Amino acid sequence: MQSASALVNSFWQIATRVSDNTFINKIGLNIKDDHTPLNTAGIPSILLIDYHYPSFHTTNDTLDKCSANSLEIITQSVLNYLYSIE
């Protein structure tokens, strides 16, 4: 969040309107992942990970484990955020 705090705050405000119990407003782990090079290059970006997903980064992390409801929530949240950009 430190690299793109304005983006995170803006996204979270919009995402909680889509699903107030999905996006919890608390600082999580500070990890380096796919978004790190973008932030380093000055392109604000965020990474959304559900750490409570038991198959995360295992051989069981396959498409059939994806929740249609979760995909709908994240898709609608991202679309709403993109539509909010002037």
N, C-alpha and C. Protein backbone atom coordinates (compact mmCIF):
# COMPACT_ATOMS: atom_id res chain seq x y z
N MET A 1 0.82 -1.18 0.00
CA MET A 1 0.00 0.00 0.00
C MET A 1 0.86 1.24 0.00
N GLN A 2 2.05 1.18 0.51
CA GLN A 2 2.89 2.35 0.62
C GLN A 2 3.20 2.96 -0.74
N SER A 3 3.37 2.15 -1.76
CA SER A 3 3.75 2.65 -3.07
C SER A 3 2.58 3.29 -3.82
N ALA A 4 1.39 2.87 -3.54
CA ALA A 4 0.22 3.35 -4.28
C ALA A 4 -0.95 3.61 -3.34
N SER A 5 -0.69 4.29 -2.23
CA SER A 5 -1.72 4.44 -1.21
C SER A 5 -2.95 5.18 -1.71
N ALA A 6 -2.79 6.18 -2.57
CA ALA A 6 -3.96 6.90 -3.10
C ALA A 6 -4.82 5.96 -3.95
N LEU A 7 -4.17 5.14 -4.76
CA LEU A 7 -4.90 4.17 -5.58
C LEU A 7 -5.62 3.16 -4.70
N VAL A 8 -4.94 2.64 -3.71
CA VAL A 8 -5.55 1.66 -2.80
C VAL A 8 -6.76 2.27 -2.11
N ASN A 9 -6.61 3.46 -1.56
CA ASN A 9 -7.72 4.10 -0.85
C ASN A 9 -8.90 4.33 -1.77
N SER A 10 -8.65 4.81 -2.96
CA SER A 10 -9.71 5.07 -3.93
C SER A 10 -10.41 3.77 -4.34
N PHE A 11 -9.61 2.75 -4.64
CA PHE A 11 -10.20 1.46 -5.03
C PHE A 11 -11.04 0.89 -3.90
N TRP A 12 -10.52 0.93 -2.69
CA TRP A 12 -11.22 0.33 -1.54
C TRP A 12 -12.56 1.02 -1.31
N GLN A 13 -12.61 2.33 -1.43
CA GLN A 13 -13.88 3.04 -1.25
C GLN A 13 -14.92 2.55 -2.26
N ILE A 14 -14.50 2.36 -3.48
CA ILE A 14 -15.41 1.89 -4.52
C ILE A 14 -15.76 0.42 -4.33
N ALA A 15 -14.77 -0.40 -4.03
CA ALA A 15 -14.98 -1.84 -3.90
C ALA A 15 -15.90 -2.19 -2.73
N THR A 16 -15.81 -1.45 -1.64
CA THR A 16 -16.67 -1.76 -0.49
C THR A 16 -18.13 -1.45 -0.79
N ARG A 17 -18.40 -0.63 -1.80
CA ARG A 17 -19.79 -0.41 -2.22
C ARG A 17 -20.32 -1.62 -2.98
N VAL A 18 -19.44 -2.36 -3.61
CA VAL A 18 -19.84 -3.57 -4.32
C VAL A 18 -20.07 -4.70 -3.32
N SER A 19 -19.17 -4.84 -2.37
CA SER A 19 -19.28 -5.91 -1.37
C SER A 19 -18.56 -5.46 -0.10
N ASP A 20 -19.33 -4.98 0.86
CA ASP A 20 -18.71 -4.43 2.07
C ASP A 20 -18.08 -5.48 2.97
N ASN A 21 -18.38 -6.74 2.76
CA ASN A 21 -17.77 -7.77 3.61
C ASN A 21 -16.64 -8.52 2.91
N THR A 22 -16.33 -8.15 1.67
CA THR A 22 -15.23 -8.78 0.93
C THR A 22 -13.93 -8.03 1.12
N PHE A 23 -14.00 -6.71 1.03
CA PHE A 23 -12.81 -5.87 1.12
C PHE A 23 -12.71 -5.28 2.52
N ILE A 24 -11.75 -5.75 3.27
CA ILE A 24 -11.57 -5.32 4.66
C ILE A 24 -10.49 -4.26 4.68
N ASN A 25 -10.82 -3.11 5.25
CA ASN A 25 -9.90 -1.97 5.26
C ASN A 25 -8.88 -2.10 6.38
N LYS A 26 -7.86 -2.89 6.13
CA LYS A 26 -6.75 -3.01 7.08
C LYS A 26 -5.48 -3.29 6.29
N ILE A 27 -4.39 -2.85 6.82
CA ILE A 27 -3.11 -3.06 6.16
C ILE A 27 -2.72 -4.52 6.29
N GLY A 28 -2.43 -5.14 5.16
CA GLY A 28 -2.03 -6.54 5.15
C GLY A 28 -0.53 -6.66 5.01
N LEU A 29 -0.13 -7.75 4.46
CA LEU A 29 1.29 -8.00 4.28
C LEU A 29 1.87 -7.09 3.21
N ASN A 30 3.10 -6.68 3.38
CA ASN A 30 3.80 -5.90 2.37
C ASN A 30 4.67 -6.87 1.59
N ILE A 31 4.18 -7.25 0.42
CA ILE A 31 4.90 -8.26 -0.36
C ILE A 31 5.36 -7.69 -1.70
N LYS A 32 6.38 -8.29 -2.23
CA LYS A 32 6.85 -7.95 -3.58
C LYS A 32 6.31 -9.03 -4.51
N ASP A 33 5.59 -8.59 -5.53
CA ASP A 33 4.97 -9.53 -6.46
C ASP A 33 4.85 -8.86 -7.82
N ASP A 34 3.92 -9.30 -8.62
CA ASP A 34 3.78 -8.81 -9.99
C ASP A 34 3.61 -7.30 -10.10
N HIS A 35 3.04 -6.67 -9.10
CA HIS A 35 2.79 -5.23 -9.13
C HIS A 35 4.03 -4.40 -8.80
N THR A 36 5.02 -4.98 -8.18
CA THR A 36 6.20 -4.24 -7.69
C THR A 36 6.95 -3.50 -8.80
N PRO A 37 7.26 -4.13 -9.93
CA PRO A 37 7.98 -3.39 -10.98
C PRO A 37 7.18 -2.19 -11.51
N LEU A 38 5.87 -2.31 -11.55
CA LEU A 38 5.04 -1.19 -12.00
C LEU A 38 5.15 -0.02 -11.03
N ASN A 39 5.02 -0.30 -9.73
CA ASN A 39 5.15 0.75 -8.72
C ASN A 39 6.54 1.37 -8.77
N THR A 40 7.56 0.54 -8.94
CA THR A 40 8.93 1.03 -9.01
C THR A 40 9.12 1.97 -10.21
N ALA A 41 8.42 1.69 -11.30
CA ALA A 41 8.50 2.52 -12.50
C ALA A 41 7.60 3.76 -12.42
N GLY A 42 6.93 3.93 -11.27
CA GLY A 42 6.07 5.10 -11.10
C GLY A 42 4.66 4.91 -11.60
N ILE A 43 4.27 3.68 -11.88
CA ILE A 43 2.91 3.37 -12.32
C ILE A 43 2.17 2.78 -11.12
N PRO A 44 1.28 3.55 -10.49
CA PRO A 44 0.57 3.05 -9.31
C PRO A 44 -0.21 1.78 -9.65
N SER A 45 -0.04 0.76 -8.83
CA SER A 45 -0.74 -0.50 -9.05
C SER A 45 -0.96 -1.18 -7.71
N ILE A 46 -1.94 -2.07 -7.69
CA ILE A 46 -2.24 -2.81 -6.47
C ILE A 46 -2.34 -4.29 -6.79
N LEU A 47 -2.25 -5.09 -5.76
CA LEU A 47 -2.35 -6.54 -5.88
C LEU A 47 -3.45 -7.00 -4.94
N LEU A 48 -4.41 -7.74 -5.45
CA LEU A 48 -5.51 -8.24 -4.64
C LEU A 48 -5.37 -9.75 -4.52
N ILE A 49 -5.14 -10.20 -3.30
CA ILE A 49 -4.94 -11.63 -3.04
C ILE A 49 -5.82 -12.04 -1.87
N ASP A 50 -6.49 -13.16 -2.01
CA ASP A 50 -7.25 -13.74 -0.90
C ASP A 50 -6.37 -14.77 -0.22
N TYR A 51 -5.79 -14.38 0.90
CA TYR A 51 -4.89 -15.29 1.61
C TYR A 51 -5.63 -16.40 2.35
N HIS A 52 -6.97 -16.31 2.36
CA HIS A 52 -7.77 -17.35 3.02
C HIS A 52 -8.19 -18.44 2.03
N TYR A 53 -7.73 -18.32 0.80
CA TYR A 53 -8.01 -19.31 -0.24
C TYR A 53 -7.01 -20.44 -0.08
N PRO A 54 -7.46 -21.61 0.38
CA PRO A 54 -6.53 -22.69 0.73
C PRO A 54 -5.64 -23.18 -0.41
N SER A 55 -6.08 -23.04 -1.64
CA SER A 55 -5.30 -23.55 -2.77
C SER A 55 -4.29 -22.55 -3.31
N PHE A 56 -4.23 -21.35 -2.73
CA PHE A 56 -3.37 -20.27 -3.24
C PHE A 56 -1.92 -20.74 -3.38
N HIS A 57 -1.39 -20.59 -4.60
CA HIS A 57 -0.01 -20.94 -4.94
C HIS A 57 0.35 -22.39 -4.62
N THR A 58 -0.61 -23.27 -4.85
CA THR A 58 -0.34 -24.70 -4.73
C THR A 58 -0.69 -25.35 -6.07
N THR A 59 -0.41 -26.62 -6.19
CA THR A 59 -0.79 -27.32 -7.42
C THR A 59 -2.30 -27.45 -7.56
N ASN A 60 -3.03 -27.21 -6.48
CA ASN A 60 -4.49 -27.24 -6.52
C ASN A 60 -5.10 -25.90 -6.93
N ASP A 61 -4.27 -24.91 -7.18
CA ASP A 61 -4.74 -23.57 -7.55
C ASP A 61 -5.09 -23.56 -9.04
N THR A 62 -6.26 -24.13 -9.34
CA THR A 62 -6.69 -24.29 -10.73
C THR A 62 -8.03 -23.58 -10.95
N LEU A 63 -8.36 -23.36 -12.20
CA LEU A 63 -9.53 -22.60 -12.58
C LEU A 63 -10.82 -23.14 -11.96
N ASP A 64 -10.93 -24.44 -11.83
CA ASP A 64 -12.15 -25.03 -11.28
C ASP A 64 -12.37 -24.67 -9.81
N LYS A 65 -11.36 -24.13 -9.14
CA LYS A 65 -11.49 -23.73 -7.74
C LYS A 65 -11.97 -22.28 -7.59
N CYS A 66 -12.01 -21.56 -8.71
CA CYS A 66 -12.44 -20.16 -8.66
C CYS A 66 -13.92 -20.07 -8.34
N SER A 67 -14.26 -19.13 -7.50
CA SER A 67 -15.64 -18.89 -7.14
C SER A 67 -16.25 -17.88 -8.11
N ALA A 68 -17.37 -18.25 -8.71
CA ALA A 68 -18.05 -17.33 -9.62
C ALA A 68 -18.45 -16.05 -8.89
N ASN A 69 -18.86 -16.18 -7.65
CA ASN A 69 -19.24 -15.00 -6.85
C ASN A 69 -18.04 -14.08 -6.63
N SER A 70 -16.90 -14.65 -6.27
CA SER A 70 -15.70 -13.84 -6.07
C SER A 70 -15.27 -13.15 -7.35
N LEU A 71 -15.32 -13.88 -8.46
CA LEU A 71 -14.95 -13.29 -9.75
C LEU A 71 -15.90 -12.15 -10.12
N GLU A 72 -17.18 -12.31 -9.82
CA GLU A 72 -18.14 -11.24 -10.10
C GLU A 72 -17.85 -10.01 -9.26
N ILE A 73 -17.56 -10.21 -7.98
CA ILE A 73 -17.27 -9.09 -7.08
C ILE A 73 -16.02 -8.34 -7.52
N ILE A 74 -14.95 -9.04 -7.81
CA ILE A 74 -13.72 -8.36 -8.19
C ILE A 74 -13.86 -7.70 -9.55
N THR A 75 -14.54 -8.36 -10.49
CA THR A 75 -14.75 -7.75 -11.81
C THR A 75 -15.56 -6.47 -11.70
N GLN A 76 -16.65 -6.51 -10.94
CA GLN A 76 -17.49 -5.32 -10.79
C GLN A 76 -16.73 -4.22 -10.07
N SER A 77 -15.93 -4.58 -9.09
CA SER A 77 -15.14 -3.58 -8.35
C SER A 77 -14.13 -2.90 -9.26
N VAL A 78 -13.42 -3.69 -10.07
CA VAL A 78 -12.43 -3.11 -10.99
C VAL A 78 -13.12 -2.25 -12.04
N LEU A 79 -14.23 -2.73 -12.59
CA LEU A 79 -14.96 -1.92 -13.59
C LEU A 79 -15.44 -0.60 -12.99
N ASN A 80 -16.02 -0.66 -11.79
CA ASN A 80 -16.49 0.56 -11.14
C ASN A 80 -15.33 1.53 -10.90
N TYR A 81 -14.19 0.99 -10.50
CA TYR A 81 -13.02 1.86 -10.30
C TYR A 81 -12.60 2.49 -11.62
N LEU A 82 -12.49 1.70 -12.67
CA LEU A 82 -12.08 2.23 -13.97
C LEU A 82 -13.04 3.29 -14.48
N TYR A 83 -14.35 3.07 -14.29
CA TYR A 83 -15.34 4.06 -14.72
C TYR A 83 -15.24 5.35 -13.90
N SER A 84 -14.68 5.27 -12.71
CA SER A 84 -14.59 6.45 -11.84
C SER A 84 -13.41 7.36 -12.20
N ILE A 85 -12.49 6.85 -12.98
CA ILE A 85 -11.30 7.63 -13.34
C ILE A 85 -11.68 8.70 -14.37
N GLU A 86 -11.27 9.90 -14.10
CA GLU A 86 -11.59 11.00 -15.02
C GLU A 86 -10.54 11.16 -16.08
